Amino acid sequence: MAEAQVKDFEKRIRQIDRRHNKIARGYVQLVERDGLLVPKTKMLKKRSFPLRAILIAVVGFAVFKGVLVSQVGLTSYEARLESLTEGGMVERAGAWLMQVDPFSRGVAEFILSLS
């Protein structure tokens, strides 16, 4: 009999600890009809692949290249890229990343048309 009570007590303690840990991660206090404040756990968002952040970074990088091409000039920019391709592996990787793509060329032409 005493052993069954101990197991029941330990089970209740585990439930209380689990509930406490959930509430510690974030909660919203709700008011019941009788005025009692009851903490409810927040629904945690499922962490997924940050596709939006990657897309913003890629578009931002392309816009940066477009601004750079419009400020330096296309011929000077391509000459600098050629000097990078003659370097080591890191410089060649940088030259590959910084090559002018159609989007950055369009951004550069748009910026130049504003001037």
PDB file of N, CA and C in Angstrom:
ATOM      1  N   MET A   1       0.818  -1.189   0.000  1.00  0.00           N
ATOM      2  CA  MET A   1       0.000   0.000   0.000  1.00  0.00           C
ATOM      3  C   MET A   1       0.865   1.258   0.000  1.00  0.00           C
ATOM      4  N   ALA A   2       1.870   1.309   0.846  1.00  0.00           N
ATOM      5  CA  ALA A   2       2.725   2.489   0.944  1.00  0.00           C
ATOM      6  C   ALA A   2       3.526   2.681  -0.336  1.00  0.00           C
ATOM      7  N   GLU A   3       3.920   1.566  -0.958  1.00  0.00           N
ATOM      8  CA  GLU A   3       4.696   1.663  -2.195  1.00  0.00           C
ATOM      9  C   GLU A   3       3.847   2.245  -3.326  1.00  0.00           C
ATOM     10  N   ALA A   4       2.596   1.890  -3.402  1.00  0.00           N
ATOM     11  CA  ALA A   4       1.693   2.433  -4.414  1.00  0.00           C
ATOM     12  C   ALA A   4       1.480   3.928  -4.197  1.00  0.00           C
ATOM     13  N   GLN A   5       1.391   4.343  -2.949  1.00  0.00           N
ATOM     14  CA  GLN A   5       1.229   5.765  -2.653  1.00  0.00           C
ATOM     15  C   GLN A   5       2.476   6.549  -3.054  1.00  0.00           C
ATOM     16  N   VAL A   6       3.643   5.975  -2.838  1.00  0.00           N
ATOM     17  CA  VAL A   6       4.894   6.649  -3.214  1.00  0.00           C
ATOM     18  C   VAL A   6       4.975   6.810  -4.726  1.00  0.00           C
ATOM     19  N   LYS A   7       4.593   5.767  -5.480  1.00  0.00           N
ATOM     20  CA  LYS A   7       4.608   5.847  -6.943  1.00  0.00           C
ATOM     21  C   LYS A   7       3.618   6.904  -7.424  1.00  0.00           C
ATOM     22  N   ASP A   8       2.453   6.959  -6.822  1.00  0.00           N
ATOM     23  CA  ASP A   8       1.461   7.960  -7.185  1.00  0.00           C
ATOM     24  C   ASP A   8       1.975   9.370  -6.882  1.00  0.00           C
ATOM     25  N   PHE A   9       2.624   9.516  -5.740  1.00  0.00           N
ATOM     26  CA  PHE A   9       3.186  10.806  -5.358  1.00  0.00           C
ATOM     27  C   PHE A   9       4.268  11.226  -6.345  1.00  0.00           C
ATOM     28  N   GLU A  10       5.163  10.314  -6.721  1.00  0.00           N
ATOM     29  CA  GLU A  10       6.229  10.631  -7.673  1.00  0.00           C
ATOM     30  C   GLU A  10       5.659  11.002  -9.038  1.00  0.00           C
ATOM     31  N   LYS A  11       4.579  10.327  -9.435  1.00  0.00           N
ATOM     32  CA  LYS A  11       3.920  10.649 -10.699  1.00  0.00           C
ATOM     33  C   LYS A  11       3.355  12.063 -10.666  1.00  0.00           C
ATOM     34  N   ARG A  12       2.718  12.425  -9.563  1.00  0.00           N
ATOM     35  CA  ARG A  12       2.183  13.783  -9.428  1.00  0.00           C
ATOM     36  C   ARG A  12       3.295  14.823  -9.438  1.00  0.00           C
ATOM     37  N   ILE A  13       4.415  14.513  -8.793  1.00  0.00           N
ATOM     38  CA  ILE A  13       5.557  15.439  -8.778  1.00  0.00           C
ATOM     39  C   ILE A  13       6.099  15.638 -10.204  1.00  0.00           C
ATOM     40  N   ARG A  14       6.205  14.557 -10.987  1.00  0.00           N
ATOM     41  CA  ARG A  14       6.674  14.674 -12.373  1.00  0.00           C
ATOM     42  C   ARG A  14       5.726  15.536 -13.203  1.00  0.00           C
ATOM     43  N   GLN A  15       4.422  15.379 -13.003  1.00  0.00           N
ATOM     44  CA  GLN A  15       3.447  16.186 -13.724  1.00  0.00           C
ATOM     45  C   GLN A  15       3.570  17.663 -13.359  1.00  0.00           C
ATOM     46  N   ILE A  16       3.749  17.928 -12.089  1.00  0.00           N
ATOM     47  CA  ILE A  16       3.907  19.318 -11.640  1.00  0.00           C
ATOM     48  C   ILE A  16       5.184  19.917 -12.214  1.00  0.00           C
ATOM     49  N   ASP A  17       6.279  19.159 -12.201  1.00  0.00           N
ATOM     50  CA  ASP A  17       7.548  19.649 -12.767  1.00  0.00           C
ATOM     51  C   ASP A  17       7.408  19.917 -14.266  1.00  0.00           C
ATOM     52  N   ARG A  18       6.746  19.017 -14.970  1.00  0.00           N
ATOM     53  CA  ARG A  18       6.555  19.185 -16.407  1.00  0.00           C
ATOM     54  C   ARG A  18       5.736  20.444 -16.689  1.00  0.00           C
ATOM     55  N   ARG A  19       4.659  20.649 -15.940  1.00  0.00           N
ATOM     56  CA  ARG A  19       3.822  21.827 -16.103  1.00  0.00           C
ATOM     57  C   ARG A  19       4.606  23.102 -15.763  1.00  0.00           C
ATOM     58  N   HIS A  20       5.406  23.041 -14.705  1.00  0.00           N
ATOM     59  CA  HIS A  20       6.220  24.190 -14.304  1.00  0.00           C
ATOM     60  C   HIS A  20       7.235  24.544 -15.394  1.00  0.00           C
ATOM     61  N   ASN A  21       7.862  23.544 -15.988  1.00  0.00           N
ATOM     62  CA  ASN A  21       8.834  23.800 -17.050  1.00  0.00           C
ATOM     63  C   ASN A  21       8.179  24.415 -18.279  1.00  0.00           C
ATOM     64  N   LYS A  22       6.983  23.969 -18.621  1.00  0.00           N
ATOM     65  CA  LYS A  22       6.263  24.558 -19.753  1.00  0.00           C
ATOM     66  C   LYS A  22       5.930  26.022 -19.483  1.00  0.00           C
ATOM     67  N   ILE A  23       5.461  26.297 -18.279  1.00  0.00           N
ATOM     68  CA  ILE A  23       5.093  27.671 -17.932  1.00  0.00           C
ATOM     69  C   ILE A  23       6.337  28.558 -17.858  1.00  0.00           C
ATOM     70  N   ALA A  24       7.470  27.999 -17.458  1.00  0.00           N
ATOM     71  CA  ALA A  24       8.701  28.786 -17.365  1.00  0.00           C
ATOM     72  C   ALA A  24       9.168  29.253 -18.733  1.00  0.00           C
ATOM     73  N   ARG A  25       8.812  28.528 -19.809  1.00  0.00           N
ATOM     74  CA  ARG A  25       9.206  28.920 -21.163  1.00  0.00           C
ATOM     75  C   ARG A  25       8.348  30.050 -21.709  1.00  0.00           C
ATOM     76  N   GLY A  26       7.253  30.359 -21.075  1.00  0.00           N
ATOM     77  CA  GLY A  26       6.397  31.452 -21.518  1.00  0.00           C
ATOM     78  C   GLY A  26       4.949  31.132 -21.242  1.00  0.00           C
ATOM     79  N   TYR A  27       4.227  32.116 -20.765  1.00  0.00           N
ATOM     80  CA  TYR A  27       2.826  31.885 -20.448  1.00  0.00           C
ATOM     81  C   TYR A  27       2.034  33.162 -20.630  1.00  0.00           C
ATOM     82  N   VAL A  28       0.731  32.996 -20.707  1.00  0.00           N
ATOM     83  CA  VAL A  28      -0.216  34.100 -20.777  1.00  0.00           C
ATOM     84  C   VAL A  28      -1.176  33.907 -19.615  1.00  0.00           C
ATOM     85  N   GLN A  29      -1.437  34.957 -18.867  1.00  0.00           N
ATOM     86  CA  GLN A  29      -2.374  34.825 -17.755  1.00  0.00           C
ATOM     87  C   GLN A  29      -3.781  35.103 -18.252  1.00  0.00           C
ATOM     88  N   LEU A  30      -4.640  34.161 -18.033  1.00  0.00           N
ATOM     89  CA  LEU A  30      -6.035  34.296 -18.416  1.00  0.00           C
ATOM     90  C   LEU A  30      -6.880  34.468 -17.167  1.00  0.00           C
ATOM     91  N   VAL A  31      -7.920  35.251 -17.275  1.00  0.00           N
ATOM     92  CA  VAL A  31      -8.824  35.470 -16.152  1.00  0.00           C
ATOM     93  C   VAL A  31     -10.044  34.584 -16.359  1.00  0.00           C
ATOM     94  N   GLU A  32     -10.301  33.730 -15.392  1.00  0.00           N
ATOM     95  CA  GLU A  32     -11.474  32.863 -15.449  1.00  0.00           C
ATOM     96  C   GLU A  32     -12.714  33.674 -15.083  1.00  0.00           C
ATOM     97  N   ARG A  33     -13.875  33.093 -15.241  1.00  0.00           N
ATOM     98  CA  ARG A  33     -15.132  33.782 -14.935  1.00  0.00           C
ATOM     99  C   ARG A  33     -15.231  34.185 -13.474  1.00  0.00           C
ATOM    100  N   ASP A  34     -14.610  33.422 -12.599  1.00  0.00           N
ATOM    101  CA  ASP A  34     -14.687  33.738 -11.175  1.00  0.00           C
ATOM    102  C   ASP A  34     -13.579  34.708 -10.741  1.00  0.00           C
ATOM    103  N   GLY A  35     -12.773  35.236 -11.720  1.00  0.00           N
ATOM    104  CA  GLY A  35     -11.738  36.206 -11.394  1.00  0.00           C
ATOM    105  C   GLY A  35     -10.388  35.587 -11.083  1.00  0.00           C
ATOM    106  N   LEU A  36     -10.280  34.288 -11.192  1.00  0.00           N
ATOM    107  CA  LEU A  36      -9.032  33.600 -10.889  1.00  0.00           C
ATOM    108  C   LEU A  36      -8.077  33.726 -12.077  1.00  0.00           C
ATOM    109  N   LEU A  37      -6.829  34.123 -11.815  1.00  0.00           N
ATOM    110  CA  LEU A  37      -5.807  34.193 -12.859  1.00  0.00           C
ATOM    111  C   LEU A  37      -5.215  32.808 -13.051  1.00  0.00           C
ATOM    112  N   VAL A  38      -5.268  32.325 -14.278  1.00  0.00           N
ATOM    113  CA  VAL A  38      -4.777  30.985 -14.583  1.00  0.00           C
ATOM    114  C   VAL A  38      -3.712  31.099 -15.667  1.00  0.00           C
ATOM    115  N   PRO A  39      -2.481  30.677 -15.375  1.00  0.00           N
ATOM    116  CA  PRO A  39      -1.454  30.739 -16.425  1.00  0.00           C
ATOM    117  C   PRO A  39      -1.637  29.615 -17.444  1.00  0.00           C
ATOM    118  N   LYS A  40      -1.625  29.962 -18.704  1.00  0.00           N
ATOM    119  CA  LYS A  40      -1.702  28.989 -19.794  1.00  0.00           C
ATOM    120  C   LYS A  40      -0.403  29.086 -20.583  1.00  0.00           C
ATOM    121  N   THR A  41       0.102  27.948 -20.997  1.00  0.00           N
ATOM    122  CA  THR A  41       1.366  27.952 -21.741  1.00  0.00           C
ATOM    123  C   THR A  41       1.145  28.482 -23.145  1.00  0.00           C
ATOM    124  N   LYS A  42       2.160  29.174 -23.661  1.00  0.00           N
ATOM    125  CA  LYS A  42       2.126  29.664 -25.026  1.00  0.00           C
ATOM    126  C   LYS A  42       2.434  28.515 -25.963  1.00  0.00           C
ATOM    127  N   MET A  43       1.849  28.571 -27.111  1.00  0.00           N
ATOM    128  CA  MET A  43       2.180  27.587 -28.138  1.00  0.00           C
ATOM    129  C   MET A  43       3.504  28.016 -28.754  1.00  0.00           C
ATOM    130  N   LEU A  44       4.488  27.155 -28.665  1.00  0.00           N
ATOM    131  CA  LEU A  44       5.787  27.457 -29.239  1.00  0.00           C
ATOM    132  C   LEU A  44       5.756  27.215 -30.737  1.00  0.00           C
ATOM    133  N   LYS A  45       6.365  28.141 -31.478  1.00  0.00           N
ATOM    134  CA  LYS A  45       6.431  27.965 -32.916  1.00  0.00           C
ATOM    135  C   LYS A  45       7.399  26.846 -33.251  1.00  0.00           C
ATOM    136  N   LYS A  46       7.039  26.103 -34.227  1.00  0.00           N
ATOM    137  CA  LYS A  46       7.915  25.041 -34.693  1.00  0.00           C
ATOM    138  C   LYS A  46       9.087  25.684 -35.437  1.00  0.00           C
ATOM    139  N   ARG A  47      10.272  25.335 -35.047  1.00  0.00           N
ATOM    140  CA  ARG A  47      11.436  25.892 -35.721  1.00  0.00           C
ATOM    141  C   ARG A  47      11.622  25.165 -37.034  1.00  0.00           C
ATOM    142  N   SER A  48      11.708  25.944 -38.077  1.00  0.00           N
ATOM    143  CA  SER A  48      11.869  25.355 -39.393  1.00  0.00           C
ATOM    144  C   SER A  48      13.045  26.034 -40.093  1.00  0.00           C
ATOM    145  N   PHE A  49      13.285  25.630 -41.298  1.00  0.00           N
ATOM    146  CA  PHE A  49      14.386  26.177 -42.082  1.00  0.00           C
ATOM    147  C   PHE A  49      14.100  27.647 -42.363  1.00  0.00           C
ATOM    148  N   PRO A  50      15.043  28.549 -42.098  1.00  0.00           N
ATOM    149  CA  PRO A  50      14.787  29.993 -42.244  1.00  0.00           C
ATOM    150  C   PRO A  50      14.848  30.446 -43.705  1.00  0.00           C
ATOM    151  N   LEU A  51      13.886  30.010 -44.495  1.00  0.00           N
ATOM    152  CA  LEU A  51      13.881  30.325 -45.916  1.00  0.00           C
ATOM    153  C   LEU A  51      13.761  31.823 -46.173  1.00  0.00           C
ATOM    154  N   ARG A  52      12.933  32.501 -45.402  1.00  0.00           N
ATOM    155  CA  ARG A  52      12.747  33.939 -45.606  1.00  0.00           C
ATOM    156  C   ARG A  52      14.033  34.714 -45.320  1.00  0.00           C
ATOM    157  N   ALA A  53      14.738  34.333 -44.266  1.00  0.00           N
ATOM    158  CA  ALA A  53      15.986  35.027 -43.933  1.00  0.00           C
ATOM    159  C   ALA A  53      17.042  34.800 -45.003  1.00  0.00           C
ATOM    160  N   ILE A  54      17.109  33.591 -45.530  1.00  0.00           N
ATOM    161  CA  ILE A  54      18.078  33.309 -46.591  1.00  0.00           C
ATOM    162  C   ILE A  54      17.734  34.086 -47.852  1.00  0.00           C
ATOM    163  N   LEU A  55      16.453  34.152 -48.187  1.00  0.00           N
ATOM    164  CA  LEU A  55      16.023  34.902 -49.367  1.00  0.00           C
ATOM    165  C   LEU A  55      16.338  36.387 -49.217  1.00  0.00           C
ATOM    166  N   ILE A  56      16.108  36.944 -48.045  1.00  0.00           N
ATOM    167  CA  ILE A  56      16.422  38.356 -47.808  1.00  0.00           C
ATOM    168  C   ILE A  56      17.924  38.596 -47.921  1.00  0.00           C
ATOM    169  N   ALA A  57      18.732  37.672 -47.408  1.00  0.00           N
ATOM    170  CA  ALA A  57      20.184  37.817 -47.496  1.00  0.00           C
ATOM    171  C   ALA A  57      20.660  37.759 -48.945  1.00  0.00           C
ATOM    172  N   VAL A  58      20.104  36.850 -49.743  1.00  0.00           N
ATOM    173  CA  VAL A  58      20.516  36.726 -51.146  1.00  0.00           C
ATOM    174  C   VAL A  58      20.118  37.971 -51.935  1.00  0.00           C
ATOM    175  N   VAL A  59      18.899  38.438 -51.741  1.00  0.00           N
ATOM    176  CA  VAL A  59      18.452  39.648 -52.450  1.00  0.00           C
ATOM    177  C   VAL A  59      19.262  40.864 -51.988  1.00  0.00           C
ATOM    178  N   GLY A  60      19.527  40.955 -50.691  1.00  0.00           N
ATOM    179  CA  GLY A  60      20.347  42.064 -50.186  1.00  0.00           C
ATOM    180  C   GLY A  60      21.752  42.047 -50.758  1.00  0.00           C
ATOM    181  N   PHE A  61      22.328  40.856 -50.893  1.00  0.00           N
ATOM    182  CA  PHE A  61      23.671  40.741 -51.474  1.00  0.00           C
ATOM    183  C   PHE A  61      23.661  41.155 -52.940  1.00  0.00           C
ATOM    184  N   ALA A  62      22.620  40.773 -53.681  1.00  0.00           N
ATOM    185  CA  ALA A  62      22.524  41.153 -55.088  1.00  0.00           C
ATOM    186  C   ALA A  62      22.332  42.667 -55.226  1.00  0.00           C
ATOM    187  N   VAL A  63      21.554  43.266 -54.350  1.00  0.00           N
ATOM    188  CA  VAL A  63      21.383  44.725 -54.379  1.00  0.00           C
ATOM    189  C   VAL A  63      22.703  45.412 -54.039  1.00  0.00           C
ATOM    190  N   PHE A  64      23.434  44.857 -53.068  1.00  0.00           N
ATOM    191  CA  PHE A  64      24.751  45.408 -52.721  1.00  0.00           C
ATOM    192  C   PHE A  64      25.680  45.379 -53.931  1.00  0.00           C
ATOM    193  N   LYS A  65      25.681  44.259 -54.663  1.00  0.00           N
ATOM    194  CA  LYS A  65      26.526  44.176 -55.853  1.00  0.00           C
ATOM    195  C   LYS A  65      26.087  45.197 -56.894  1.00  0.00           C
ATOM    196  N   GLY A  66      24.768  45.386 -57.042  1.00  0.00           N
ATOM    197  CA  GLY A  66      24.272  46.370 -57.997  1.00  0.00           C
ATOM    198  C   GLY A  66      24.697  47.779 -57.642  1.00  0.00           C
ATOM    199  N   VAL A  67      24.632  48.116 -56.364  1.00  0.00           N
ATOM    200  CA  VAL A  67      25.081  49.445 -55.919  1.00  0.00           C
ATOM    201  C   VAL A  67      26.579  49.596 -56.157  1.00  0.00           C
ATOM    202  N   LEU A  68      27.324  48.550 -55.875  1.00  0.00           N
ATOM    203  CA  LEU A  68      28.778  48.586 -56.077  1.00  0.00           C
ATOM    204  C   LEU A  68      29.122  48.779 -57.550  1.00  0.00           C
ATOM    205  N   VAL A  69      28.432  48.067 -58.437  1.00  0.00           N
ATOM    206  CA  VAL A  69      28.682  48.200 -59.882  1.00  0.00           C
ATOM    207  C   VAL A  69      28.318  49.601 -60.349  1.00  0.00           C
ATOM    208  N   SER A  70      27.237  50.155 -59.844  1.00  0.00           N
ATOM    209  CA  SER A  70      26.831  51.499 -60.281  1.00  0.00           C
ATOM    210  C   SER A  70      27.809  52.564 -59.793  1.00  0.00           C
ATOM    211  N   GLN A  71      28.426  52.368 -58.654  1.00  0.00           N
ATOM    212  CA  GLN A  71      29.358  53.361 -58.126  1.00  0.00           C
ATOM    213  C   GLN A  71      30.740  53.262 -58.762  1.00  0.00           C
ATOM    214  N   VAL A  72      31.213  52.049 -58.999  1.00  0.00           N
ATOM    215  CA  VAL A  72      32.568  51.846 -59.530  1.00  0.00           C
ATOM    216  C   VAL A  72      32.581  51.921 -61.046  1.00  0.00           C
ATOM    217  N   GLY A  73      31.541  51.459 -61.676  1.00  0.00           N
ATOM    218  CA  GLY A  73      31.492  51.375 -63.124  1.00  0.00           C
ATOM    219  C   GLY A  73      31.708  49.928 -63.544  1.00  0.00           C
ATOM    220  N   LEU A  74      31.033  49.528 -64.617  1.00  0.00           N
ATOM    221  CA  LEU A  74      31.059  48.125 -65.026  1.00  0.00           C
ATOM    222  C   LEU A  74      32.434  47.683 -65.491  1.00  0.00           C
ATOM    223  N   THR A  75      33.125  48.499 -66.269  1.00  0.00           N
ATOM    224  CA  THR A  75      34.440  48.077 -66.781  1.00  0.00           C
ATOM    225  C   THR A  75      35.461  47.975 -65.657  1.00  0.00           C
ATOM    226  N   SER A  76      35.460  48.937 -64.754  1.00  0.00           N
ATOM    227  CA  SER A  76      36.383  48.892 -63.624  1.00  0.00           C
ATOM    228  C   SER A  76      36.066  47.718 -62.707  1.00  0.00           C
ATOM    229  N   TYR A  77      34.774  47.441 -62.521  1.00  0.00           N
ATOM    230  CA  TYR A  77      34.354  46.330 -61.667  1.00  0.00           C
ATOM    231  C   TYR A  77      34.815  45.002 -62.260  1.00  0.00           C
ATOM    232  N   GLU A  78      34.627  44.824 -63.557  1.00  0.00           N
ATOM    233  CA  GLU A  78      35.052  43.584 -64.201  1.00  0.00           C
ATOM    234  C   GLU A  78      36.566  43.433 -64.192  1.00  0.00           C
ATOM    235  N   ALA A  79      37.302  44.546 -64.291  1.00  0.00           N
ATOM    236  CA  ALA A  79      38.763  44.478 -64.209  1.00  0.00           C
ATOM    237  C   ALA A  79      39.202  44.019 -62.817  1.00  0.00           C
ATOM    238  N   ARG A  80      38.523  44.497 -61.802  1.00  0.00           N
ATOM    239  CA  ARG A  80      38.855  44.073 -60.446  1.00  0.00           C
ATOM    240  C   ARG A  80      38.529  42.598 -60.236  1.00  0.00           C
ATOM    241  N   LEU A  81      37.432  42.138 -60.833  1.00  0.00           N
ATOM    242  CA  LEU A  81      37.082  40.719 -60.742  1.00  0.00           C
ATOM    243  C   LEU A  81      38.123  39.851 -61.442  1.00  0.00           C
ATOM    244  N   GLU A  82      38.655  40.324 -62.580  1.00  0.00           N
ATOM    245  CA  GLU A  82      39.693  39.565 -63.280  1.00  0.00           C
ATOM    246  C   GLU A  82      40.950  39.440 -62.429  1.00  0.00           C
ATOM    247  N   SER A  83      41.292  40.495 -61.706  1.00  0.00           N
ATOM    248  CA  SER A  83      42.470  40.407 -60.838  1.00  0.00           C
ATOM    249  C   SER A  83      42.225  39.439 -59.680  1.00  0.00           C
ATOM    250  N   LEU A  84      40.977  39.337 -59.245  1.00  0.00           N
ATOM    251  CA  LEU A  84      40.655  38.367 -58.188  1.00  0.00           C
ATOM    252  C   LEU A  84      40.742  36.933 -58.691  1.00  0.00           C
ATOM    253  N   THR A  85      40.376  36.693 -59.942  1.00  0.00           N
ATOM    254  CA  THR A  85      40.416  35.325 -60.467  1.00  0.00           C
ATOM    255  C   THR A  85      41.843  34.807 -60.597  1.00  0.00           C
ATOM    256  N   GLU A  86      42.820  35.697 -60.615  1.00  0.00           N
ATOM    257  CA  GLU A  86      44.219  35.279 -60.715  1.00  0.00           C
ATOM    258  C   GLU A  86      44.817  34.950 -59.351  1.00  0.00           C
ATOM    259  N   GLY A  87      44.080  35.192 -58.285  1.00  0.00           N
ATOM    260  CA  GLY A  87      44.574  34.963 -56.932  1.00  0.00           C
ATOM    261  C   GLY A  87      44.405  33.521 -56.491  1.00  0.00           C
ATOM    262  N   GLY A  88      44.444  33.345 -55.180  1.00  0.00           N
ATOM    263  CA  GLY A  88      44.313  32.018 -54.587  1.00  0.00           C
ATOM    264  C   GLY A  88      42.869  31.531 -54.595  1.00  0.00           C
ATOM    265  N   MET A  89      42.650  30.461 -53.870  1.00  0.00           N
ATOM    266  CA  MET A  89      41.331  29.838 -53.877  1.00  0.00           C
ATOM    267  C   MET A  89      40.274  30.758 -53.260  1.00  0.00           C
ATOM    268  N   VAL A  90      40.608  31.463 -52.206  1.00  0.00           N
ATOM    269  CA  VAL A  90      39.648  32.361 -51.557  1.00  0.00           C
ATOM    270  C   VAL A  90      39.295  33.517 -52.488  1.00  0.00           C
ATOM    271  N   GLU A  91      40.306  34.072 -53.160  1.00  0.00           N
ATOM    272  CA  GLU A  91      40.045  35.180 -54.080  1.00  0.00           C
ATOM    273  C   GLU A  91      39.189  34.717 -55.261  1.00  0.00           C
ATOM    274  N   ARG A  92      39.440  33.509 -55.767  1.00  0.00           N
ATOM    275  CA  ARG A  92      38.629  32.993 -56.872  1.00  0.00           C
ATOM    276  C   ARG A  92      37.190  32.760 -56.429  1.00  0.00           C
ATOM    277  N   ALA A  93      37.015  32.278 -55.202  1.00  0.00           N
ATOM    278  CA  ALA A  93      35.650  32.091 -54.683  1.00  0.00           C
ATOM    279  C   ALA A  93      34.949  33.443 -54.543  1.00  0.00           C
ATOM    280  N   GLY A  94      35.679  34.452 -54.078  1.00  0.00           N
ATOM    281  CA  GLY A  94      35.111  35.793 -53.971  1.00  0.00           C
ATOM    282  C   GLY A  94      34.757  36.365 -55.323  1.00  0.00           C
ATOM    283  N   ALA A  95      35.608  36.109 -56.328  1.00  0.00           N
ATOM    284  CA  ALA A  95      35.313  36.583 -57.680  1.00  0.00           C
ATOM    285  C   ALA A  95      34.073  35.895 -58.232  1.00  0.00           C
ATOM    286  N   TRP A  96      33.917  34.605 -57.930  1.00  0.00           N
ATOM    287  CA  TRP A  96      32.737  33.895 -58.409  1.00  0.00           C
ATOM    288  C   TRP A  96      31.475  34.452 -57.755  1.00  0.00           C
ATOM    289  N   LEU A  97      31.556  34.737 -56.444  1.00  0.00           N
ATOM    290  CA  LEU A  97      30.395  35.292 -55.752  1.00  0.00           C
ATOM    291  C   LEU A  97      30.060  36.705 -56.219  1.00  0.00           C
ATOM    292  N   MET A  98      31.073  37.479 -56.530  1.00  0.00           N
ATOM    293  CA  MET A  98      30.862  38.884 -56.865  1.00  0.00           C
ATOM    294  C   MET A  98      30.650  39.130 -58.355  1.00  0.00           C
ATOM    295  N   GLN A  99      30.602  38.066 -59.181  1.00  0.00           N
ATOM    296  CA  GLN A  99      30.380  38.287 -60.607  1.00  0.00           C
ATOM    297  C   GLN A  99      29.025  38.946 -60.840  1.00  0.00           C
ATOM    298  N   VAL A 100      28.938  39.716 -61.899  1.00  0.00           N
ATOM    299  CA  VAL A 100      27.730  40.489 -62.184  1.00  0.00           C
ATOM    300  C   VAL A 100      26.662  39.545 -62.729  1.00  0.00           C
ATOM    301  N   ASP A 101      25.535  39.510 -62.046  1.00  0.00           N
ATOM    302  CA  ASP A 101      24.398  38.709 -62.517  1.00  0.00           C
ATOM    303  C   ASP A 101      23.343  39.660 -63.089  1.00  0.00           C
ATOM    304  N   PRO A 102      22.353  39.151 -63.789  1.00  0.00           N
ATOM    305  CA  PRO A 102      21.342  40.034 -64.404  1.00  0.00           C
ATOM    306  C   PRO A 102      20.604  40.918 -63.399  1.00  0.00           C
ATOM    307  N   PHE A 103      20.317  40.397 -62.215  1.00  0.00           N
ATOM    308  CA  PHE A 103      19.594  41.203 -61.221  1.00  0.00           C
ATOM    309  C   PHE A 103      20.447  42.377 -60.745  1.00  0.00           C
ATOM    310  N   SER A 104      21.715  42.112 -60.413  1.00  0.00           N
ATOM    311  CA  SER A 104      22.575  43.211 -59.940  1.00  0.00           C
ATOM    312  C   SER A 104      22.871  44.193 -61.072  1.00  0.00           C
ATOM    313  N   ARG A 105      22.938  43.703 -62.317  1.00  0.00           N
ATOM    314  CA  ARG A 105      23.118  44.614 -63.455  1.00  0.00           C
ATOM    315  C   ARG A 105      21.888  45.517 -63.590  1.00  0.00           C
ATOM    316  N   GLY A 106      20.699  44.944 -63.404  1.00  0.00           N
ATOM    317  CA  GLY A 106      19.470  45.739 -63.475  1.00  0.00           C
ATOM    318  C   GLY A 106      19.402  46.766 -62.344  1.00  0.00           C
ATOM    319  N   VAL A 107      19.842  46.388 -61.161  1.00  0.00           N
ATOM    320  CA  VAL A 107      19.882  47.329 -60.043  1.00  0.00           C
ATOM    321  C   VAL A 107      20.847  48.467 -60.350  1.00  0.00           C
ATOM    322  N   ALA A 108      22.002  48.136 -60.922  1.00  0.00           N
ATOM    323  CA  ALA A 108      22.995  49.164 -61.264  1.00  0.00           C
ATOM    324  C   ALA A 108      22.447  50.114 -62.324  1.00  0.00           C
ATOM    325  N   GLU A 109      21.768  49.569 -63.339  1.00  0.00           N
ATOM    326  CA  GLU A 109      21.194  50.421 -64.387  1.00  0.00           C
ATOM    327  C   GLU A 109      20.090  51.311 -63.811  1.00  0.00           C
ATOM    328  N   PHE A 110      19.305  50.764 -62.876  1.00  0.00           N
ATOM    329  CA  PHE A 110      18.243  51.559 -62.246  1.00  0.00           C
ATOM    330  C   PHE A 110      18.840  52.705 -61.437  1.00  0.00           C
ATOM    331  N   ILE A 111      19.895  52.427 -60.682  1.00  0.00           N
ATOM    332  CA  ILE A 111      20.530  53.473 -59.877  1.00  0.00           C
ATOM    333  C   ILE A 111      21.155  54.543 -60.771  1.00  0.00           C
ATOM    334  N   LEU A 112      21.772  54.104 -61.867  1.00  0.00           N
ATOM    335  CA  LEU A 112      22.375  55.066 -62.786  1.00  0.00           C
ATOM    336  C   LEU A 112      21.307  55.915 -63.484  1.00  0.00           C
ATOM    337  N   SER A 113      20.136  55.348 -63.723  1.00  0.00           N
ATOM    338  CA  SER A 113      19.060  56.123 -64.361  1.00  0.00           C
ATOM    339  C   SER A 113      18.509  57.185 -63.418  1.00  0.00           C
ATOM    340  N   LEU A 114      18.632  56.967 -62.099  1.00  0.00           N
ATOM    341  CA  LEU A 114      18.170  57.959 -61.141  1.00  0.00           C
ATOM    342  C   LEU A 114      19.084  59.168 -61.074  1.00  0.00           C
ATOM    343  N   SER A 115      20.358  58.979 -61.393  1.00  0.00           N
ATOM    344  CA  SER A 115      21.341  60.062 -61.289  1.00  0.00           C
ATOM    345  C   SER A 115      21.235  61.057 -62.408  1.00  0.00           C
TER     346      SER A 115
END
